[in-house]
C-alpha cells in the first residue's frame, strides 16, 4: 500500500522551497544527460560490433590484403578494421603508431600481472621484427 498518493508527492514538490526545486531540476537534467550518453554509447558499440563482423567477412573472403584494405575503408567504427588499415597502409607506416600500440599493450598487460609475452612473426617481415626488437623482444 502506498503511503503517499501521486497527488501528495506532486503537492510536496510544488510546495518545496526554491533550493529544493533547483536541486530536483538539476537531478532531472543530469539524469536525462546520463541516459542520452548511455544510449549513444550503446549505439556506437552496436555499430562497432556490426562493422567488425562485416570486416571479418571481407577479410576472410578477400584474395589479397589490398582488396580487404580497399573494402574496409568505409568501416570507420570497427577498431579491428582500423588496426588492419594502420598495419597495411604504407602511408601510415613509420609514424610510431605500431610502437605506441605495442608499448601501450605491454603497459596494460603488466598492470594486470603479465610476466612474459610471446610474439610470432614471419622471418621475412623485417619491419615487424625491428618493431618488436625495439620493444624489447628477442
N, C-alpha and C. Protein backbone atom coordinates (compact mmCIF):
# COMPACT_ATOMS: atom_id res chain seq x y z
N UNK A 1 0.84 -1.17 0.00
CA UNK A 1 0.00 0.00 0.00
C UNK A 1 0.89 1.24 0.00
N UNK A 2 0.61 2.19 -0.87
CA UNK A 2 1.38 3.42 -0.94
C UNK A 2 1.04 4.34 0.23
N UNK A 3 2.09 4.90 0.84
CA UNK A 3 1.89 5.86 1.92
C UNK A 3 1.46 7.19 1.33
N UNK A 4 2.06 7.54 0.19
CA UNK A 4 1.76 8.81 -0.47
C UNK A 4 1.03 8.54 -1.78
N UNK A 5 0.03 9.29 -2.04
CA UNK A 5 -0.60 9.20 -3.34
C UNK A 5 0.18 10.09 -4.31
N UNK A 6 -0.09 9.93 -5.58
CA UNK A 6 0.62 10.71 -6.58
C UNK A 6 0.37 12.21 -6.38
N UNK A 7 -0.82 12.57 -6.03
CA UNK A 7 -1.14 13.98 -5.82
C UNK A 7 -0.37 14.56 -4.64
N UNK A 8 -0.18 13.76 -3.59
CA UNK A 8 0.56 14.25 -2.42
C UNK A 8 2.03 14.49 -2.77
N UNK A 9 2.60 13.62 -3.58
CA UNK A 9 4.01 13.78 -3.97
C UNK A 9 4.16 15.04 -4.82
N UNK A 10 3.28 15.22 -5.80
CA UNK A 10 3.34 16.43 -6.62
C UNK A 10 3.12 17.68 -5.78
N UNK A 11 2.24 17.58 -4.83
CA UNK A 11 1.98 18.72 -3.94
C UNK A 11 3.23 19.05 -3.12
N UNK A 12 3.93 18.03 -2.64
CA UNK A 12 5.16 18.25 -1.87
C UNK A 12 6.21 18.94 -2.73
N UNK A 13 6.36 18.50 -3.98
CA UNK A 13 7.33 19.11 -4.89
C UNK A 13 6.94 20.56 -5.15
N UNK A 14 5.67 20.78 -5.41
CA UNK A 14 5.20 22.12 -5.73
C UNK A 14 5.38 23.08 -4.56
N UNK A 15 5.23 22.58 -3.36
CA UNK A 15 5.33 23.43 -2.16
C UNK A 15 6.77 23.53 -1.63
N UNK A 16 7.69 22.81 -2.23
CA UNK A 16 9.08 22.84 -1.76
C UNK A 16 9.70 24.21 -2.01
N UNK A 17 10.76 24.47 -1.28
CA UNK A 17 11.46 25.74 -1.42
C UNK A 17 12.22 25.81 -2.74
N UNK A 18 12.68 27.01 -3.10
CA UNK A 18 13.36 27.17 -4.38
C UNK A 18 14.65 26.36 -4.49
N UNK A 19 15.39 26.20 -3.40
CA UNK A 19 16.63 25.42 -3.45
C UNK A 19 16.33 23.95 -3.71
N UNK A 20 15.30 23.41 -3.09
CA UNK A 20 14.92 22.01 -3.30
C UNK A 20 14.47 21.83 -4.75
N UNK A 21 13.69 22.78 -5.26
CA UNK A 21 13.25 22.69 -6.65
C UNK A 21 14.44 22.73 -7.60
N UNK A 22 15.42 23.59 -7.31
CA UNK A 22 16.61 23.69 -8.14
C UNK A 22 17.38 22.37 -8.13
N UNK A 23 17.55 21.79 -6.95
CA UNK A 23 18.26 20.51 -6.86
C UNK A 23 17.52 19.42 -7.63
N UNK A 24 16.21 19.36 -7.51
CA UNK A 24 15.44 18.34 -8.23
C UNK A 24 15.52 18.57 -9.74
N UNK A 25 15.52 19.83 -10.17
CA UNK A 25 15.65 20.14 -11.58
C UNK A 25 17.03 19.72 -12.11
N UNK A 26 18.08 20.00 -11.31
CA UNK A 26 19.43 19.58 -11.70
C UNK A 26 19.53 18.05 -11.77
N UNK A 27 18.95 17.37 -10.82
CA UNK A 27 18.97 15.90 -10.85
C UNK A 27 18.25 15.36 -12.08
N UNK A 28 17.14 15.97 -12.42
CA UNK A 28 16.41 15.55 -13.62
C UNK A 28 17.25 15.80 -14.87
N UNK A 29 17.88 16.97 -14.94
CA UNK A 29 18.71 17.31 -16.11
C UNK A 29 19.89 16.34 -16.24
N UNK A 30 20.59 16.06 -15.14
CA UNK A 30 21.73 15.14 -15.19
C UNK A 30 21.27 13.72 -15.53
N UNK A 31 20.10 13.36 -15.10
CA UNK A 31 19.57 12.04 -15.43
C UNK A 31 19.32 11.94 -16.93
N UNK A 32 18.71 12.97 -17.51
CA UNK A 32 18.45 12.97 -18.95
C UNK A 32 19.77 12.92 -19.73
N UNK A 33 20.74 13.72 -19.31
CA UNK A 33 22.05 13.73 -19.99
C UNK A 33 22.72 12.36 -19.86
N UNK A 34 22.68 11.78 -18.67
CA UNK A 34 23.31 10.47 -18.46
C UNK A 34 22.68 9.40 -19.35
N UNK A 35 21.36 9.37 -19.40
CA UNK A 35 20.69 8.37 -20.24
C UNK A 35 20.97 8.62 -21.71
N UNK A 36 21.12 9.87 -22.11
CA UNK A 36 21.47 10.18 -23.50
C UNK A 36 22.85 9.64 -23.84
N UNK A 37 23.81 9.82 -22.94
CA UNK A 37 25.17 9.30 -23.15
C UNK A 37 25.16 7.78 -23.20
N UNK A 38 24.43 7.16 -22.30
CA UNK A 38 24.35 5.69 -22.28
C UNK A 38 23.78 5.18 -23.60
N UNK A 39 22.71 5.80 -24.08
CA UNK A 39 22.09 5.37 -25.33
C UNK A 39 23.05 5.58 -26.50
N UNK A 40 23.75 6.72 -26.53
CA UNK A 40 24.69 7.00 -27.61
C UNK A 40 25.83 5.97 -27.61
N UNK A 41 26.38 5.67 -26.44
CA UNK A 41 27.47 4.68 -26.35
C UNK A 41 26.98 3.29 -26.77
N UNK A 42 25.77 2.95 -26.38
CA UNK A 42 25.20 1.66 -26.76
C UNK A 42 25.13 1.55 -28.29
N UNK A 43 24.65 2.61 -28.94
CA UNK A 43 24.56 2.61 -30.40
C UNK A 43 25.94 2.51 -31.04
N UNK A 44 26.95 3.21 -30.47
CA UNK A 44 28.30 3.16 -31.02
C UNK A 44 28.89 1.76 -30.89
N UNK A 45 28.70 1.13 -29.75
CA UNK A 45 29.23 -0.22 -29.54
C UNK A 45 28.53 -1.21 -30.46
N UNK A 46 27.22 -1.06 -30.61
CA UNK A 46 26.48 -1.93 -31.51
C UNK A 46 26.98 -1.79 -32.95
N UNK A 47 27.22 -0.54 -33.36
CA UNK A 47 27.73 -0.30 -34.72
C UNK A 47 29.14 -0.85 -34.88
N UNK A 48 29.97 -0.70 -33.85
CA UNK A 48 31.33 -1.24 -33.92
C UNK A 48 31.31 -2.76 -34.07
N UNK A 49 30.44 -3.41 -33.32
CA UNK A 49 30.34 -4.88 -33.44
C UNK A 49 29.88 -5.28 -34.85
N UNK A 50 28.88 -4.57 -35.36
CA UNK A 50 28.36 -4.88 -36.69
C UNK A 50 29.45 -4.70 -37.74
N UNK A 51 30.17 -3.58 -37.68
CA UNK A 51 31.22 -3.33 -38.67
C UNK A 51 32.39 -4.29 -38.51
N UNK A 52 32.69 -4.70 -37.29
CA UNK A 52 33.76 -5.68 -37.08
C UNK A 52 33.37 -7.02 -37.71
N UNK A 53 32.12 -7.42 -37.56
CA UNK A 53 31.66 -8.64 -38.22
C UNK A 53 31.74 -8.51 -39.73
N UNK A 54 31.37 -7.34 -40.26
CA UNK A 54 31.48 -7.11 -41.70
C UNK A 54 32.94 -7.19 -42.15
N UNK A 55 33.83 -6.59 -41.34
CA UNK A 55 35.25 -6.64 -41.71
C UNK A 55 35.77 -8.07 -41.73
N UNK A 56 35.38 -8.88 -40.75
CA UNK A 56 35.84 -10.26 -40.72
C UNK A 56 35.37 -11.02 -41.96
N UNK A 57 34.15 -10.77 -42.40
CA UNK A 57 33.66 -11.40 -43.62
C UNK A 57 34.48 -10.94 -44.82
N UNK A 58 34.74 -9.63 -44.91
CA UNK A 58 35.54 -9.09 -46.00
C UNK A 58 36.94 -9.71 -45.99
N UNK A 59 37.55 -9.74 -44.82
CA UNK A 59 38.92 -10.23 -44.69
C UNK A 59 39.04 -11.68 -45.14
N UNK A 60 38.12 -12.54 -44.68
CA UNK A 60 38.26 -13.97 -44.97
C UNK A 60 37.86 -14.32 -46.40
N UNK A 61 37.05 -13.51 -47.05
CA UNK A 61 36.70 -13.81 -48.44
C UNK A 61 37.64 -13.14 -49.45
N UNK A 62 38.42 -12.17 -49.00
CA UNK A 62 39.32 -11.46 -49.90
C UNK A 62 40.49 -12.34 -50.29
N UNK A 63 40.94 -12.16 -51.52
CA UNK A 63 42.08 -12.93 -52.02
C UNK A 63 43.39 -12.20 -51.76
N UNK A 64 43.32 -10.90 -51.43
CA UNK A 64 44.55 -10.16 -51.17
C UNK A 64 44.30 -9.12 -50.08
N UNK A 65 45.39 -8.70 -49.44
CA UNK A 65 45.28 -7.67 -48.41
C UNK A 65 44.84 -6.34 -49.00
N UNK A 66 45.26 -6.08 -50.23
CA UNK A 66 44.86 -4.82 -50.87
C UNK A 66 43.35 -4.76 -51.08
N UNK A 67 42.76 -5.88 -51.45
CA UNK A 67 41.30 -5.92 -51.62
C UNK A 67 40.60 -5.70 -50.28
N UNK A 68 41.07 -6.38 -49.25
CA UNK A 68 40.48 -6.22 -47.92
C UNK A 68 40.65 -4.78 -47.44
N UNK A 69 41.81 -4.21 -47.71
CA UNK A 69 42.08 -2.82 -47.32
C UNK A 69 41.09 -1.88 -48.00
N UNK A 70 40.91 -2.04 -49.29
CA UNK A 70 40.00 -1.17 -50.04
C UNK A 70 38.57 -1.29 -49.58
N UNK A 71 38.12 -2.51 -49.33
CA UNK A 71 36.73 -2.73 -48.92
C UNK A 71 36.48 -2.32 -47.47
N UNK A 72 37.52 -2.20 -46.67
CA UNK A 72 37.32 -1.88 -45.26
C UNK A 72 37.36 -0.39 -44.96
N UNK A 73 37.61 0.44 -45.97
CA UNK A 73 37.74 1.88 -45.73
C UNK A 73 36.47 2.52 -45.18
N UNK A 74 35.31 1.99 -45.51
CA UNK A 74 34.06 2.57 -45.03
C UNK A 74 33.68 2.12 -43.62
N UNK A 75 34.41 1.17 -43.07
CA UNK A 75 34.10 0.63 -41.74
C UNK A 75 34.83 1.46 -40.68
N UNK A 76 34.35 2.66 -40.44
CA UNK A 76 35.05 3.61 -39.57
C UNK A 76 34.82 3.36 -38.08
N UNK A 77 33.82 2.58 -37.72
CA UNK A 77 33.55 2.32 -36.31
C UNK A 77 34.19 1.03 -35.81
N UNK A 78 34.75 0.23 -36.69
CA UNK A 78 35.35 -1.04 -36.29
C UNK A 78 36.80 -0.85 -35.88
N UNK A 79 37.13 -1.10 -34.60
CA UNK A 79 38.52 -0.97 -34.19
C UNK A 79 39.42 -2.01 -34.86
N UNK A 80 38.88 -3.17 -35.17
CA UNK A 80 39.67 -4.21 -35.82
C UNK A 80 40.03 -3.79 -37.25
N UNK A 81 39.06 -3.24 -37.97
CA UNK A 81 39.32 -2.77 -39.33
C UNK A 81 40.31 -1.61 -39.32
N UNK A 82 40.19 -0.73 -38.33
CA UNK A 82 41.11 0.41 -38.23
C UNK A 82 42.54 -0.08 -37.97
N UNK A 83 42.69 -1.02 -37.08
CA UNK A 83 44.02 -1.58 -36.80
C UNK A 83 44.60 -2.26 -38.04
N UNK A 84 43.76 -2.97 -38.77
CA UNK A 84 44.20 -3.61 -40.02
C UNK A 84 44.68 -2.56 -41.02
N UNK A 85 43.92 -1.49 -41.17
CA UNK A 85 44.31 -0.44 -42.13
C UNK A 85 45.62 0.22 -41.72
N UNK A 86 45.81 0.44 -40.43
CA UNK A 86 47.07 1.04 -39.96
C UNK A 86 48.24 0.12 -40.28
N UNK A 87 48.04 -1.18 -40.09
CA UNK A 87 49.12 -2.14 -40.33
C UNK A 87 49.41 -2.32 -41.81
N UNK A 88 48.41 -2.14 -42.65
CA UNK A 88 48.57 -2.43 -44.08
C UNK A 88 48.90 -1.18 -44.89
N UNK A 89 48.36 -0.05 -44.53
CA UNK A 89 48.52 1.17 -45.34
C UNK A 89 49.96 1.67 -45.31
N UNK A 90 50.62 1.70 -46.44
CA UNK A 90 52.01 2.17 -46.47
C UNK A 90 52.19 3.60 -45.97
N UNK A 91 51.20 4.46 -46.24
CA UNK A 91 51.33 5.86 -45.81
C UNK A 91 51.22 6.04 -44.30
N UNK A 92 50.76 5.01 -43.61
CA UNK A 92 50.66 5.09 -42.15
C UNK A 92 51.81 4.39 -41.43
N UNK A 93 52.70 3.81 -42.18
CA UNK A 93 53.84 3.14 -41.57
C UNK A 93 54.92 4.15 -41.20
N UNK A 94 55.80 3.73 -40.30
CA UNK A 94 56.97 4.53 -39.88
C UNK A 94 56.56 5.85 -39.21
N UNK A 95 55.43 5.84 -38.52
CA UNK A 95 54.98 7.03 -37.79
C UNK A 95 54.97 6.80 -36.28
N UNK A 96 55.40 5.63 -35.86
CA UNK A 96 55.42 5.33 -34.44
C UNK A 96 54.13 4.75 -33.89
N UNK A 97 53.14 4.53 -34.77
CA UNK A 97 51.85 4.01 -34.32
C UNK A 97 52.00 2.59 -33.79
N UNK A 98 52.72 1.74 -34.52
CA UNK A 98 52.91 0.36 -34.08
C UNK A 98 53.66 0.28 -32.76
N UNK A 99 54.71 1.09 -32.62
CA UNK A 99 55.46 1.11 -31.37
C UNK A 99 54.60 1.58 -30.20
N UNK A 100 53.77 2.58 -30.46
CA UNK A 100 52.88 3.08 -29.40
C UNK A 100 51.86 2.02 -29.01
N UNK A 101 51.34 1.30 -30.00
CA UNK A 101 50.38 0.23 -29.70
C UNK A 101 51.02 -0.89 -28.88
N UNK A 102 52.21 -1.31 -29.28
CA UNK A 102 52.91 -2.37 -28.54
C UNK A 102 53.22 -1.90 -27.12
N UNK A 103 53.71 -0.67 -26.98
CA UNK A 103 54.07 -0.15 -25.66
C UNK A 103 52.83 -0.06 -24.76
N UNK A 104 51.73 0.41 -25.30
CA UNK A 104 50.50 0.51 -24.50
C UNK A 104 49.97 -0.86 -24.13
N UNK A 105 50.02 -1.80 -25.07
CA UNK A 105 49.60 -3.17 -24.77
C UNK A 105 50.42 -3.74 -23.62
N UNK A 106 51.74 -3.60 -23.71
CA UNK A 106 52.62 -4.14 -22.67
C UNK A 106 52.38 -3.44 -21.33
N UNK A 107 52.17 -2.12 -21.35
CA UNK A 107 51.91 -1.38 -20.12
C UNK A 107 50.64 -1.90 -19.44
N UNK A 108 49.59 -2.05 -20.22
CA UNK A 108 48.34 -2.54 -19.64
C UNK A 108 48.45 -3.99 -19.19
N UNK A 109 49.14 -4.81 -19.97
CA UNK A 109 49.30 -6.21 -19.61
C UNK A 109 50.11 -6.36 -18.32
N UNK A 110 51.18 -5.57 -18.18
CA UNK A 110 51.97 -5.61 -16.93
C UNK A 110 51.13 -5.16 -15.74
N UNK A 111 50.30 -4.16 -15.97
CA UNK A 111 49.41 -3.69 -14.90
C UNK A 111 48.42 -4.74 -14.46
N UNK A 112 48.17 -5.72 -15.31
CA UNK A 112 47.24 -6.80 -14.98
C UNK A 112 47.97 -8.07 -14.56
N UNK A 113 49.29 -7.94 -14.34
CA UNK A 113 50.04 -9.07 -13.80
C UNK A 113 50.79 -9.91 -14.82
N UNK A 114 50.86 -9.51 -16.08
CA UNK A 114 51.58 -10.28 -17.08
C UNK A 114 53.07 -10.26 -16.77
N UNK A 115 53.69 -11.41 -16.83
CA UNK A 115 55.13 -11.50 -16.56
C UNK A 115 55.94 -11.74 -17.81
N UNK A 116 55.31 -12.31 -18.85
CA UNK A 116 56.03 -12.54 -20.10
C UNK A 116 55.04 -12.49 -21.26
N UNK A 117 55.59 -12.26 -22.44
CA UNK A 117 54.77 -12.23 -23.65
C UNK A 117 55.54 -12.89 -24.77
N UNK A 118 54.84 -13.56 -25.64
CA UNK A 118 55.44 -14.24 -26.78
C UNK A 118 54.78 -13.70 -28.04
N UNK A 119 55.60 -13.35 -29.00
CA UNK A 119 55.09 -12.88 -30.29
C UNK A 119 55.51 -13.86 -31.37
N UNK A 120 54.67 -13.97 -32.37
CA UNK A 120 55.01 -14.80 -33.52
C UNK A 120 54.98 -13.90 -34.75
N UNK A 121 56.07 -13.90 -35.48
CA UNK A 121 56.16 -13.09 -36.69
C UNK A 121 57.02 -13.83 -37.70
N UNK A 122 56.66 -13.69 -38.96
CA UNK A 122 57.42 -14.35 -40.01
C UNK A 122 58.81 -13.74 -40.15
N UNK A 123 59.79 -14.57 -40.46
CA UNK A 123 61.18 -14.12 -40.58
C UNK A 123 61.35 -13.10 -41.70
N UNK A 124 60.46 -13.11 -42.69
CA UNK A 124 60.56 -12.18 -43.81
C UNK A 124 59.97 -10.81 -43.49
N UNK A 125 59.30 -10.68 -42.39
CA UNK A 125 58.66 -9.41 -42.03
C UNK A 125 59.64 -8.55 -41.24
N UNK A 126 60.55 -7.92 -41.96
CA UNK A 126 61.63 -7.15 -41.33
C UNK A 126 61.12 -5.98 -40.50
N UNK A 127 60.06 -5.32 -40.98
CA UNK A 127 59.53 -4.16 -40.26
C UNK A 127 58.98 -4.58 -38.90
N UNK A 128 58.23 -5.68 -38.88
CA UNK A 128 57.67 -6.15 -37.61
C UNK A 128 58.77 -6.63 -36.67
N UNK A 129 59.76 -7.32 -37.22
CA UNK A 129 60.88 -7.78 -36.40
C UNK A 129 61.61 -6.60 -35.75
N UNK A 130 61.84 -5.54 -36.52
CA UNK A 130 62.50 -4.35 -35.97
C UNK A 130 61.64 -3.70 -34.90
N UNK A 131 60.35 -3.63 -35.14
CA UNK A 131 59.43 -3.04 -34.15
C UNK A 131 59.46 -3.81 -32.84
N UNK A 132 59.37 -5.14 -32.93
CA UNK A 132 59.35 -5.94 -31.72
C UNK A 132 60.70 -5.95 -31.01
N UNK A 133 61.77 -5.93 -31.74
CA UNK A 133 63.10 -5.82 -31.09
C UNK A 133 63.24 -4.50 -30.36
N UNK A 134 62.75 -3.43 -30.96
CA UNK A 134 62.79 -2.11 -30.30
C UNK A 134 61.95 -2.09 -29.04
N UNK A 135 60.94 -2.94 -28.99
CA UNK A 135 60.09 -3.02 -27.81
C UNK A 135 60.68 -3.95 -26.74
N UNK A 136 61.82 -4.58 -27.02
CA UNK A 136 62.47 -5.43 -26.03
C UNK A 136 62.32 -6.91 -26.25
N UNK A 137 61.69 -7.32 -27.33
CA UNK A 137 61.54 -8.74 -27.62
C UNK A 137 62.81 -9.24 -28.31
N UNK A 138 63.08 -10.53 -28.14
CA UNK A 138 64.26 -11.13 -28.76
C UNK A 138 63.87 -12.00 -29.92
